[in-house]
Each structure stands twice: as structure tokens, then as C-alpha cells.
């Protein structure tokens, strides 16, 4: 999801502010399920997939001319 707003500084120069989010709903993205039939956790994905750290925000500001 992205929110952006552009402000006019002068007639030719503008300033843009952006806020971007990744995984806004903070959804669980599970790793591979346990495939060991002797384990009580068999068939369950109980750990988060590597590289998916939940909700993340990114802020940006830039001048345009």
C-alpha cells in the first residue's frame, strides 16, 4: 500500500512525500510444514518464512523540478 502527496514549492519545483508499507495486515507467512511423522508438530507450519519479517514501513521525500 502506498500513500503519496505532492506539494508545490514554486511554479516549477515540487516536493513529494511517500509512505509505503509491505505486509500491511501483518499476515503470517509460514515456512515449510514439518514432514517428520514421528513429531507431534507433523503437518504444521509453526515458523515464519525467512526474509518475511512482518509489517514494514518505508518513508520517502524527494524534490522534483
Protein backbone atom coordinates (compact mmCIF):
# COMPACT_ATOMS: atom_id res chain seq x y z
CA UNK A 1 0.00 0.00 0.00
CA UNK A 2 1.30 3.45 -0.87
CA UNK A 3 0.21 6.90 0.28
CA UNK A 4 1.66 9.86 -1.62
CA UNK A 5 1.22 13.63 -1.58
CA UNK A 6 2.86 16.24 -3.81
CA UNK A 7 3.33 19.83 -2.62
CA UNK A 8 4.08 22.77 -4.92
CA UNK A 9 7.06 24.76 -3.59
CA UNK A 10 7.24 27.13 -6.56
CA UNK A 11 5.75 27.03 -10.03
CA UNK A 12 8.43 24.62 -11.31
CA UNK A 13 9.55 22.87 -8.11
CA UNK A 14 7.54 20.32 -6.17
CA UNK A 15 8.14 18.12 -3.16
CA UNK A 16 6.72 14.60 -2.92
CA UNK A 17 6.22 12.67 0.33
CA UNK A 18 5.52 8.92 0.17
CA UNK A 19 4.82 6.24 2.76
CA UNK A 20 4.90 2.64 1.54
CA UNK A 21 4.01 -0.45 3.55
CA UNK A 22 4.77 -4.09 2.94
CA UNK A 23 2.62 -6.80 4.56
CA UNK A 24 0.26 -4.14 5.94
CA UNK A 25 -2.09 -6.69 7.52
CA UNK A 26 0.89 -8.36 9.26
CA UNK A 27 -0.18 -11.75 7.89
CA UNK A 28 1.67 -14.92 8.89
CA UNK A 29 3.68 -16.41 6.02
CA UNK A 30 4.71 -19.84 7.20
CA UNK A 31 7.79 -21.84 6.33
CA UNK A 32 7.59 -25.40 5.04
CA UNK A 33 5.48 -27.64 7.29
CA UNK A 34 7.05 -30.31 9.46
CA UNK A 35 7.21 -33.58 7.48
CA UNK A 36 8.56 -35.85 10.23
CA UNK A 37 5.71 -38.28 11.04
CA UNK A 38 7.22 -39.06 14.47
CA UNK A 39 6.95 -35.42 15.56
CA UNK A 40 3.88 -34.03 17.36
CA UNK A 41 4.10 -30.93 15.09
CA UNK A 42 3.63 -33.07 11.92
CA UNK A 43 1.98 -31.16 9.08
CA UNK A 44 2.09 -27.79 10.86
CA UNK A 45 3.94 -24.67 9.73
CA UNK A 46 4.91 -23.07 13.02
CA UNK A 47 7.85 -20.87 11.99
CA UNK A 48 7.91 -17.70 9.91
CA UNK A 49 9.42 -17.97 6.43
CA UNK A 50 12.94 -16.48 6.24
CA UNK A 51 13.01 -12.96 4.86
CA UNK A 52 9.38 -12.14 5.79
CA UNK A 53 9.59 -10.05 8.94
CA UNK A 54 6.03 -8.86 9.27
CA UNK A 55 4.86 -5.30 8.74
CA UNK A 56 7.44 -2.90 7.27
CA UNK A 57 7.24 0.83 6.50
CA UNK A 58 9.29 2.93 4.11
CA UNK A 59 9.24 6.74 4.03
CA UNK A 60 10.48 8.82 1.09
CA UNK A 61 10.76 12.52 0.33
CA UNK A 62 12.00 13.97 -2.95
CA UNK A 63 12.21 17.26 -4.79
CA UNK A 64 11.04 17.41 -8.40
CA UNK A 65 11.98 20.14 -10.84
